[in-house]
Amino acid sequence: PYIINGDYAIQGSANPIVTIEAGV
């Protein structure tokens, strides 16, 4: 599992995209 440990963002000048696989 991916554990989010606070208040975070997916953001940046490189236009980040988080792709999540099935079952995650």
mmCIF file of all heavy atoms, coordinates in Angstrom:
data_MODEL
# 
_entry.id   MODEL 
# 
loop_
_atom_site.group_PDB 
_atom_site.id 
_atom_site.type_symbol 
_atom_site.label_atom_id 
_atom_site.label_alt_id 
_atom_site.label_comp_id 
_atom_site.label_asym_id 
_atom_site.label_entity_id 
_atom_site.label_seq_id 
_atom_site.pdbx_PDB_ins_code 
_atom_site.Cartn_x 
_atom_site.Cartn_y 
_atom_site.Cartn_z 
_atom_site.occupancy 
_atom_site.B_iso_or_equiv 
_atom_site.pdbx_formal_charge 
_atom_site.auth_seq_id 
_atom_site.auth_comp_id 
_atom_site.auth_asym_id 
_atom_site.auth_atom_id 
_atom_site.pdbx_PDB_model_num 
ATOM 1   N N   . PRO A 1 1  ? 0.810  -1.207 0.000   1.00 0.00 ? 1  PRO A N   1 
ATOM 2   C CA  . PRO A 1 1  ? 0.000  0.000  0.000   1.00 0.00 ? 1  PRO A CA  1 
ATOM 3   C C   . PRO A 1 1  ? 0.851  1.267  0.000   1.00 0.00 ? 1  PRO A C   1 
ATOM 4   O O   . PRO A 1 1  ? 1.971  1.279  0.492   1.00 0.00 ? 1  PRO A O   1 
ATOM 5   C CB  . PRO A 1 1  ? -0.780 -0.110 1.307   1.00 0.00 ? 1  PRO A CB  1 
ATOM 6   C CG  . PRO A 1 1  ? 0.148  -0.842 2.230   1.00 0.00 ? 1  PRO A CG  1 
ATOM 7   C CD  . PRO A 1 1  ? 0.850  -1.845 1.352   1.00 0.00 ? 1  PRO A CD  1 
ATOM 8   N N   . TYR A 1 2  ? 0.275  2.342  -0.569  1.00 0.00 ? 2  TYR A N   1 
ATOM 9   C CA  . TYR A 1 2  ? 0.897  3.659  -0.534  1.00 0.00 ? 2  TYR A CA  1 
ATOM 10  C C   . TYR A 1 2  ? 0.256  4.425  0.623   1.00 0.00 ? 2  TYR A C   1 
ATOM 11  O O   . TYR A 1 2  ? -0.977 4.552  0.685   1.00 0.00 ? 2  TYR A O   1 
ATOM 12  C CB  . TYR A 1 2  ? 0.681  4.383  -1.863  1.00 0.00 ? 2  TYR A CB  1 
ATOM 13  C CG  . TYR A 1 2  ? 1.481  3.744  -2.977  1.00 0.00 ? 2  TYR A CG  1 
ATOM 14  C CD1 . TYR A 1 2  ? 1.028  2.591  -3.615  1.00 0.00 ? 2  TYR A CD1 1 
ATOM 15  C CD2 . TYR A 1 2  ? 2.712  4.263  -3.370  1.00 0.00 ? 2  TYR A CD2 1 
ATOM 16  C CE1 . TYR A 1 2  ? 1.773  1.983  -4.614  1.00 0.00 ? 2  TYR A CE1 1 
ATOM 17  C CE2 . TYR A 1 2  ? 3.466  3.663  -4.374  1.00 0.00 ? 2  TYR A CE2 1 
ATOM 18  C CZ  . TYR A 1 2  ? 2.985  2.518  -4.984  1.00 0.00 ? 2  TYR A CZ  1 
ATOM 19  O OH  . TYR A 1 2  ? 3.734  1.908  -5.971  1.00 0.00 ? 2  TYR A OH  1 
ATOM 20  N N   . ILE A 1 3  ? 1.047  4.909  1.532   1.00 0.00 ? 3  ILE A N   1 
ATOM 21  C CA  . ILE A 1 3  ? 0.553  5.497  2.763   1.00 0.00 ? 3  ILE A CA  1 
ATOM 22  C C   . ILE A 1 3  ? 0.765  7.010  2.721   1.00 0.00 ? 3  ILE A C   1 
ATOM 23  O O   . ILE A 1 3  ? 1.905  7.483  2.644   1.00 0.00 ? 3  ILE A O   1 
ATOM 24  C CB  . ILE A 1 3  ? 1.243  4.875  3.990   1.00 0.00 ? 3  ILE A CB  1 
ATOM 25  C CG1 . ILE A 1 3  ? 1.008  3.360  4.002   1.00 0.00 ? 3  ILE A CG1 1 
ATOM 26  C CG2 . ILE A 1 3  ? 0.716  5.505  5.285   1.00 0.00 ? 3  ILE A CG2 1 
ATOM 27  C CD1 . ILE A 1 3  ? 1.831  2.604  5.005   1.00 0.00 ? 3  ILE A CD1 1 
ATOM 28  N N   . ILE A 1 4  ? -0.327 7.764  2.752   1.00 0.00 ? 4  ILE A N   1 
ATOM 29  C CA  . ILE A 1 4  ? -0.282 9.229  2.719   1.00 0.00 ? 4  ILE A CA  1 
ATOM 30  C C   . ILE A 1 4  ? -0.167 9.712  4.163   1.00 0.00 ? 4  ILE A C   1 
ATOM 31  O O   . ILE A 1 4  ? -1.099 9.569  4.953   1.00 0.00 ? 4  ILE A O   1 
ATOM 32  C CB  . ILE A 1 4  ? -1.536 9.816  2.043   1.00 0.00 ? 4  ILE A CB  1 
ATOM 33  C CG1 . ILE A 1 4  ? -1.822 9.105  0.705   1.00 0.00 ? 4  ILE A CG1 1 
ATOM 34  C CG2 . ILE A 1 4  ? -1.365 11.311 1.842   1.00 0.00 ? 4  ILE A CG2 1 
ATOM 35  C CD1 . ILE A 1 4  ? -0.736 9.214  -0.318  1.00 0.00 ? 4  ILE A CD1 1 
ATOM 36  N N   . ASN A 1 5  ? 0.984  10.295 4.503   1.00 0.00 ? 5  ASN A N   1 
ATOM 37  C CA  . ASN A 1 5  ? 1.292  10.608 5.892   1.00 0.00 ? 5  ASN A CA  1 
ATOM 38  C C   . ASN A 1 5  ? 1.048  12.064 6.274   1.00 0.00 ? 5  ASN A C   1 
ATOM 39  O O   . ASN A 1 5  ? 1.566  12.530 7.298   1.00 0.00 ? 5  ASN A O   1 
ATOM 40  C CB  . ASN A 1 5  ? 2.759  10.245 6.183   1.00 0.00 ? 5  ASN A CB  1 
ATOM 41  C CG  . ASN A 1 5  ? 2.948  8.742  6.271   1.00 0.00 ? 5  ASN A CG  1 
ATOM 42  O OD1 . ASN A 1 5  ? 2.266  8.072  7.022   1.00 0.00 ? 5  ASN A OD1 1 
ATOM 43  N ND2 . ASN A 1 5  ? 3.887  8.210  5.489   1.00 0.00 ? 5  ASN A ND2 1 
ATOM 44  N N   . GLY A 1 6  ? 0.271  12.800 5.502   1.00 0.00 ? 6  GLY A N   1 
ATOM 45  C CA  . GLY A 1 6  ? -0.024 14.199 5.824   1.00 0.00 ? 6  GLY A CA  1 
ATOM 46  C C   . GLY A 1 6  ? -0.849 14.824 4.721   1.00 0.00 ? 6  GLY A C   1 
ATOM 47  O O   . GLY A 1 6  ? -1.517 14.116 3.955   1.00 0.00 ? 6  GLY A O   1 
ATOM 48  N N   . ASP A 1 7  ? -0.795 16.141 4.631   1.00 0.00 ? 7  ASP A N   1 
ATOM 49  C CA  . ASP A 1 7  ? -1.524 16.870 3.591   1.00 0.00 ? 7  ASP A CA  1 
ATOM 50  C C   . ASP A 1 7  ? -0.563 17.187 2.454   1.00 0.00 ? 7  ASP A C   1 
ATOM 51  O O   . ASP A 1 7  ? 0.259  18.107 2.560   1.00 0.00 ? 7  ASP A O   1 
ATOM 52  C CB  . ASP A 1 7  ? -2.104 18.169 4.157   1.00 0.00 ? 7  ASP A CB  1 
ATOM 53  C CG  . ASP A 1 7  ? -3.153 17.910 5.234   1.00 0.00 ? 7  ASP A CG  1 
ATOM 54  O OD1 . ASP A 1 7  ? -3.987 17.014 5.033   1.00 0.00 ? 7  ASP A OD1 1 
ATOM 55  O OD2 . ASP A 1 7  ? -3.120 18.601 6.271   1.00 0.00 ? 7  ASP A OD2 1 
ATOM 56  N N   . TYR A 1 8  ? -0.698 16.437 1.358   1.00 0.00 ? 8  TYR A N   1 
ATOM 57  C CA  . TYR A 1 8  ? 0.241  16.580 0.239   1.00 0.00 ? 8  TYR A CA  1 
ATOM 58  C C   . TYR A 1 8  ? -0.521 16.790 -1.065  1.00 0.00 ? 8  TYR A C   1 
ATOM 59  O O   . TYR A 1 8  ? -1.737 16.606 -1.131  1.00 0.00 ? 8  TYR A O   1 
ATOM 60  C CB  . TYR A 1 8  ? 1.146  15.348 0.153   1.00 0.00 ? 8  TYR A CB  1 
ATOM 61  C CG  . TYR A 1 8  ? 1.973  15.139 1.402   1.00 0.00 ? 8  TYR A CG  1 
ATOM 62  C CD1 . TYR A 1 8  ? 1.848  13.978 2.154   1.00 0.00 ? 8  TYR A CD1 1 
ATOM 63  C CD2 . TYR A 1 8  ? 2.856  16.115 1.832   1.00 0.00 ? 8  TYR A CD2 1 
ATOM 64  C CE1 . TYR A 1 8  ? 2.585  13.788 3.315   1.00 0.00 ? 8  TYR A CE1 1 
ATOM 65  C CE2 . TYR A 1 8  ? 3.600  15.937 2.986   1.00 0.00 ? 8  TYR A CE2 1 
ATOM 66  C CZ  . TYR A 1 8  ? 3.460  14.783 3.730   1.00 0.00 ? 8  TYR A CZ  1 
ATOM 67  O OH  . TYR A 1 8  ? 4.192  14.620 4.878   1.00 0.00 ? 8  TYR A OH  1 
ATOM 68  N N   . ALA A 1 9  ? 0.233  17.179 -2.094  1.00 0.00 ? 9  ALA A N   1 
ATOM 69  C CA  . ALA A 1 9  ? -0.372 17.483 -3.387  1.00 0.00 ? 9  ALA A CA  1 
ATOM 70  C C   . ALA A 1 9  ? 0.421  16.837 -4.509  1.00 0.00 ? 9  ALA A C   1 
ATOM 71  O O   . ALA A 1 9  ? 1.630  16.616 -4.396  1.00 0.00 ? 9  ALA A O   1 
ATOM 72  C CB  . ALA A 1 9  ? -0.436 18.991 -3.598  1.00 0.00 ? 9  ALA A CB  1 
ATOM 73  N N   . ILE A 1 10 ? -0.275 16.548 -5.593  1.00 0.00 ? 10 ILE A N   1 
ATOM 74  C CA  . ILE A 1 10 ? 0.354  16.161 -6.849  1.00 0.00 ? 10 ILE A CA  1 
ATOM 75  C C   . ILE A 1 10 ? 0.325  17.413 -7.709  1.00 0.00 ? 10 ILE A C   1 
ATOM 76  O O   . ILE A 1 10 ? -0.718 17.802 -8.245  1.00 0.00 ? 10 ILE A O   1 
ATOM 77  C CB  . ILE A 1 10 ? -0.414 15.009 -7.516  1.00 0.00 ? 10 ILE A CB  1 
ATOM 78  C CG1 . ILE A 1 10 ? -0.497 13.802 -6.585  1.00 0.00 ? 10 ILE A CG1 1 
ATOM 79  C CG2 . ILE A 1 10 ? 0.242  14.610 -8.838  1.00 0.00 ? 10 ILE A CG2 1 
ATOM 80  C CD1 . ILE A 1 10 ? -1.478 12.737 -7.040  1.00 0.00 ? 10 ILE A CD1 1 
ATOM 81  N N   . GLN A 1 11 ? 1.452  18.082 -7.820  1.00 0.00 ? 11 GLN A N   1 
ATOM 82  C CA  . GLN A 1 11 ? 1.492  19.356 -8.534  1.00 0.00 ? 11 GLN A CA  1 
ATOM 83  C C   . GLN A 1 11 ? 2.933  19.702 -8.882  1.00 0.00 ? 11 GLN A C   1 
ATOM 84  O O   . GLN A 1 11 ? 3.870  19.276 -8.223  1.00 0.00 ? 11 GLN A O   1 
ATOM 85  C CB  . GLN A 1 11 ? 0.907  20.478 -7.658  1.00 0.00 ? 11 GLN A CB  1 
ATOM 86  C CG  . GLN A 1 11 ? 1.718  20.734 -6.400  1.00 0.00 ? 11 GLN A CG  1 
ATOM 87  C CD  . GLN A 1 11 ? 1.138  21.826 -5.525  1.00 0.00 ? 11 GLN A CD  1 
ATOM 88  O OE1 . GLN A 1 11 ? -0.074 21.885 -5.339  1.00 0.00 ? 11 GLN A OE1 1 
ATOM 89  N NE2 . GLN A 1 11 ? 1.993  22.686 -4.994  1.00 0.00 ? 11 GLN A NE2 1 
ATOM 90  N N   . GLY A 1 12 ? 3.117  20.465 -9.969  1.00 0.00 ? 12 GLY A N   1 
ATOM 91  C CA  . GLY A 1 12 ? 4.464  20.892 -10.341 1.00 0.00 ? 12 GLY A CA  1 
ATOM 92  C C   . GLY A 1 12 ? 4.516  21.394 -11.767 1.00 0.00 ? 12 GLY A C   1 
ATOM 93  O O   . GLY A 1 12 ? 3.600  21.171 -12.570 1.00 0.00 ? 12 GLY A O   1 
ATOM 94  N N   . SER A 1 13 ? 5.592  22.053 -12.097 1.00 0.00 ? 13 SER A N   1 
ATOM 95  C CA  . SER A 1 13 ? 5.758  22.623 -13.431 1.00 0.00 ? 13 SER A CA  1 
ATOM 96  C C   . SER A 1 13 ? 5.873  21.555 -14.508 1.00 0.00 ? 13 SER A C   1 
ATOM 97  O O   . SER A 1 13 ? 5.632  21.815 -15.686 1.00 0.00 ? 13 SER A O   1 
ATOM 98  C CB  . SER A 1 13 ? 7.001  23.516 -13.461 1.00 0.00 ? 13 SER A CB  1 
ATOM 99  O OG  . SER A 1 13 ? 8.158  22.779 -13.085 1.00 0.00 ? 13 SER A OG  1 
ATOM 100 N N   . ALA A 1 14 ? 6.224  20.324 -14.112 1.00 0.00 ? 14 ALA A N   1 
ATOM 101 C CA  . ALA A 1 14 ? 6.336  19.218 -15.068 1.00 0.00 ? 14 ALA A CA  1 
ATOM 102 C C   . ALA A 1 14 ? 5.000  18.518 -15.310 1.00 0.00 ? 14 ALA A C   1 
ATOM 103 O O   . ALA A 1 14 ? 4.948  17.496 -15.992 1.00 0.00 ? 14 ALA A O   1 
ATOM 104 C CB  . ALA A 1 14 ? 7.365  18.198 -14.576 1.00 0.00 ? 14 ALA A CB  1 
ATOM 105 N N   . ASN A 1 15 ? 3.923  19.081 -14.754 1.00 0.00 ? 15 ASN A N   1 
ATOM 106 C CA  . ASN A 1 15 ? 2.586  18.491 -14.892 1.00 0.00 ? 15 ASN A CA  1 
ATOM 107 C C   . ASN A 1 15 ? 2.573  17.017 -14.473 1.00 0.00 ? 15 ASN A C   1 
ATOM 108 O O   . ASN A 1 15 ? 2.297  16.119 -15.276 1.00 0.00 ? 15 ASN A O   1 
ATOM 109 C CB  . ASN A 1 15 ? 2.078  18.629 -16.331 1.00 0.00 ? 15 ASN A CB  1 
ATOM 110 C CG  . ASN A 1 15 ? 0.604  18.232 -16.463 1.00 0.00 ? 15 ASN A CG  1 
ATOM 111 O OD1 . ASN A 1 15 ? -0.135 18.195 -15.477 1.00 0.00 ? 15 ASN A OD1 1 
ATOM 112 N ND2 . ASN A 1 15 ? 0.200  17.931 -17.688 1.00 0.00 ? 15 ASN A ND2 1 
ATOM 113 N N   . PRO A 1 16 ? 2.839  16.728 -13.207 1.00 0.00 ? 16 PRO A N   1 
ATOM 114 C CA  . PRO A 1 16 ? 2.912  15.332 -12.761 1.00 0.00 ? 16 PRO A CA  1 
ATOM 115 C C   . PRO A 1 16 ? 1.547  14.646 -12.787 1.00 0.00 ? 16 PRO A C   1 
ATOM 116 O O   . PRO A 1 16 ? 0.537  15.226 -12.388 1.00 0.00 ? 16 PRO A O   1 
ATOM 117 C CB  . PRO A 1 16 ? 3.434  15.454 -11.330 1.00 0.00 ? 16 PRO A CB  1 
ATOM 118 C CG  . PRO A 1 16 ? 2.980  16.810 -10.885 1.00 0.00 ? 16 PRO A CG  1 
ATOM 119 C CD  . PRO A 1 16 ? 3.073  17.681 -12.094 1.00 0.00 ? 16 PRO A CD  1 
ATOM 120 N N   . ILE A 1 17 ? 1.545  13.421 -13.268 1.00 0.00 ? 17 ILE A N   1 
ATOM 121 C CA  . ILE A 1 17 ? 0.354  12.580 -13.268 1.00 0.00 ? 17 ILE A CA  1 
ATOM 122 C C   . ILE A 1 17 ? 0.697  11.291 -12.513 1.00 0.00 ? 17 ILE A C   1 
ATOM 123 O O   . ILE A 1 17 ? 1.668  10.606 -12.865 1.00 0.00 ? 17 ILE A O   1 
ATOM 124 C CB  . ILE A 1 17 ? -0.113 12.226 -14.696 1.00 0.00 ? 17 ILE A CB  1 
ATOM 125 C CG1 . ILE A 1 17 ? -0.297 13.496 -15.542 1.00 0.00 ? 17 ILE A CG1 1 
ATOM 126 C CG2 . ILE A 1 17 ? -1.384 11.390 -14.648 1.00 0.00 ? 17 ILE A CG2 1 
ATOM 127 C CD1 . ILE A 1 17 ? -1.370 14.437 -15.061 1.00 0.00 ? 17 ILE A CD1 1 
ATOM 128 N N   . VAL A 1 18 ? -0.069 10.967 -11.495 1.00 0.00 ? 18 VAL A N   1 
ATOM 129 C CA  . VAL A 1 18 ? 0.090  9.694  -10.801 1.00 0.00 ? 18 VAL A CA  1 
ATOM 130 C C   . VAL A 1 18 ? -0.879 8.695  -11.415 1.00 0.00 ? 18 VAL A C   1 
ATOM 131 O O   . VAL A 1 18 ? -2.101 8.902  -11.398 1.00 0.00 ? 18 VAL A O   1 
ATOM 132 C CB  . VAL A 1 18 ? -0.169 9.842  -9.287  1.00 0.00 ? 18 VAL A CB  1 
ATOM 133 C CG1 . VAL A 1 18 ? -0.191 8.468  -8.617  1.00 0.00 ? 18 VAL A CG1 1 
ATOM 134 C CG2 . VAL A 1 18 ? 0.911  10.710 -8.648  1.00 0.00 ? 18 VAL A CG2 1 
ATOM 135 N N   . THR A 1 19 ? -0.337 7.639  -11.982 1.00 0.00 ? 19 THR A N   1 
ATOM 136 C CA  . THR A 1 19 ? -1.143 6.555  -12.556 1.00 0.00 ? 19 THR A CA  1 
ATOM 137 C C   . THR A 1 19 ? -1.152 5.398  -11.567 1.00 0.00 ? 19 THR A C   1 
ATOM 138 O O   . THR A 1 19 ? -0.101 4.996  -11.064 1.00 0.00 ? 19 THR A O   1 
ATOM 139 C CB  . THR A 1 19 ? -0.557 6.100  -13.899 1.00 0.00 ? 19 THR A CB  1 
ATOM 140 O OG1 . THR A 1 19 ? -0.494 7.223  -14.785 1.00 0.00 ? 19 THR A OG1 1 
ATOM 141 C CG2 . THR A 1 19 ? -1.412 5.015  -14.526 1.00 0.00 ? 19 THR A CG2 1 
ATOM 142 N N   . ILE A 1 20 ? -2.335 4.854  -11.283 1.00 0.00 ? 20 ILE A N   1 
ATOM 143 C CA  . ILE A 1 20 ? -2.459 3.820  -10.258 1.00 0.00 ? 20 ILE A CA  1 
ATOM 144 C C   . ILE A 1 20 ? -2.962 2.528  -10.886 1.00 0.00 ? 20 ILE A C   1 
ATOM 145 O O   . ILE A 1 20 ? -4.005 2.503  -11.549 1.00 0.00 ? 20 ILE A O   1 
ATOM 146 C CB  . ILE A 1 20 ? -3.398 4.266  -9.125  1.00 0.00 ? 20 ILE A CB  1 
ATOM 147 C CG1 . ILE A 1 20 ? -2.918 5.604  -8.534  1.00 0.00 ? 20 ILE A CG1 1 
ATOM 148 C CG2 . ILE A 1 20 ? -3.476 3.208  -8.044  1.00 0.00 ? 20 ILE A CG2 1 
ATOM 149 C CD1 . ILE A 1 20 ? -3.751 6.112  -7.383  1.00 0.00 ? 20 ILE A CD1 1 
ATOM 150 N N   . GLU A 1 21 ? -2.216 1.456  -10.662 1.00 0.00 ? 21 GLU A N   1 
ATOM 151 C CA  . GLU A 1 21 ? -2.559 0.152  -11.221 1.00 0.00 ? 21 GLU A CA  1 
ATOM 152 C C   . GLU A 1 21 ? -3.704 -0.505 -10.452 1.00 0.00 ? 21 GLU A C   1 
ATOM 153 O O   . GLU A 1 21 ? -3.979 -0.191 -9.286  1.00 0.00 ? 21 GLU A O   1 
ATOM 154 C CB  . GLU A 1 21 ? -1.337 -0.773 -11.178 1.00 0.00 ? 21 GLU A CB  1 
ATOM 155 C CG  . GLU A 1 21 ? -0.202 -0.370 -12.098 1.00 0.00 ? 21 GLU A CG  1 
ATOM 156 C CD  . GLU A 1 21 ? 0.950  -1.348 -12.044 1.00 0.00 ? 21 GLU A CD  1 
ATOM 157 O OE1 . GLU A 1 21 ? 0.996  -2.192 -11.117 1.00 0.00 ? 21 GLU A OE1 1 
ATOM 158 O OE2 . GLU A 1 21 ? 1.807  -1.274 -12.940 1.00 0.00 ? 21 GLU A OE2 1 
ATOM 159 N N   . ALA A 1 22 ? -4.345 -1.467 -11.117 1.00 0.00 ? 22 ALA A N   1 
ATOM 160 C CA  . ALA A 1 22 ? -5.431 -2.226 -10.499 1.00 0.00 ? 22 ALA A CA  1 
ATOM 161 C C   . ALA A 1 22 ? -4.941 -2.935 -9.238  1.00 0.00 ? 22 ALA A C   1 
ATOM 162 O O   . ALA A 1 22 ? -3.816 -3.441 -9.186  1.00 0.00 ? 22 ALA A O   1 
ATOM 163 C CB  . ALA A 1 22 ? -5.974 -3.248 -11.489 1.00 0.00 ? 22 ALA A CB  1 
ATOM 164 N N   . GLY A 1 23 ? -5.799 -2.950 -8.211  1.00 0.00 ? 23 GLY A N   1 
ATOM 165 C CA  . GLY A 1 23 ? -5.509 -3.666 -6.980  1.00 0.00 ? 23 GLY A CA  1 
ATOM 166 C C   . GLY A 1 23 ? -4.696 -2.902 -5.955  1.00 0.00 ? 23 GLY A C   1 
ATOM 167 O O   . GLY A 1 23 ? -4.514 -3.373 -4.827  1.00 0.00 ? 23 GLY A O   1 
ATOM 168 N N   . VAL A 1 24 ? -4.208 -1.726 -6.302  1.00 0.00 ? 24 VAL A N   1 
ATOM 169 C CA  . VAL A 1 24 ? -3.384 -0.934 -5.374  1.00 0.00 ? 24 VAL A CA  1 
ATOM 170 C C   . VAL A 1 24 ? -4.262 -0.382 -4.246  1.00 0.00 ? 24 VAL A C   1 
ATOM 171 O O   . VAL A 1 24 ? -5.415 -0.023 -4.452  1.00 0.00 ? 24 VAL A O   1 
ATOM 172 C CB  . VAL A 1 24 ? -2.681 0.210  -6.120  1.00 0.00 ? 24 VAL A CB  1 
ATOM 173 C CG1 . VAL A 1 24 ? -2.117 1.244  -5.160  1.00 0.00 ? 24 VAL A CG1 1 
ATOM 174 C CG2 . VAL A 1 24 ? -1.583 -0.349 -7.022  1.00 0.00 ? 24 VAL A CG2 1 
# 
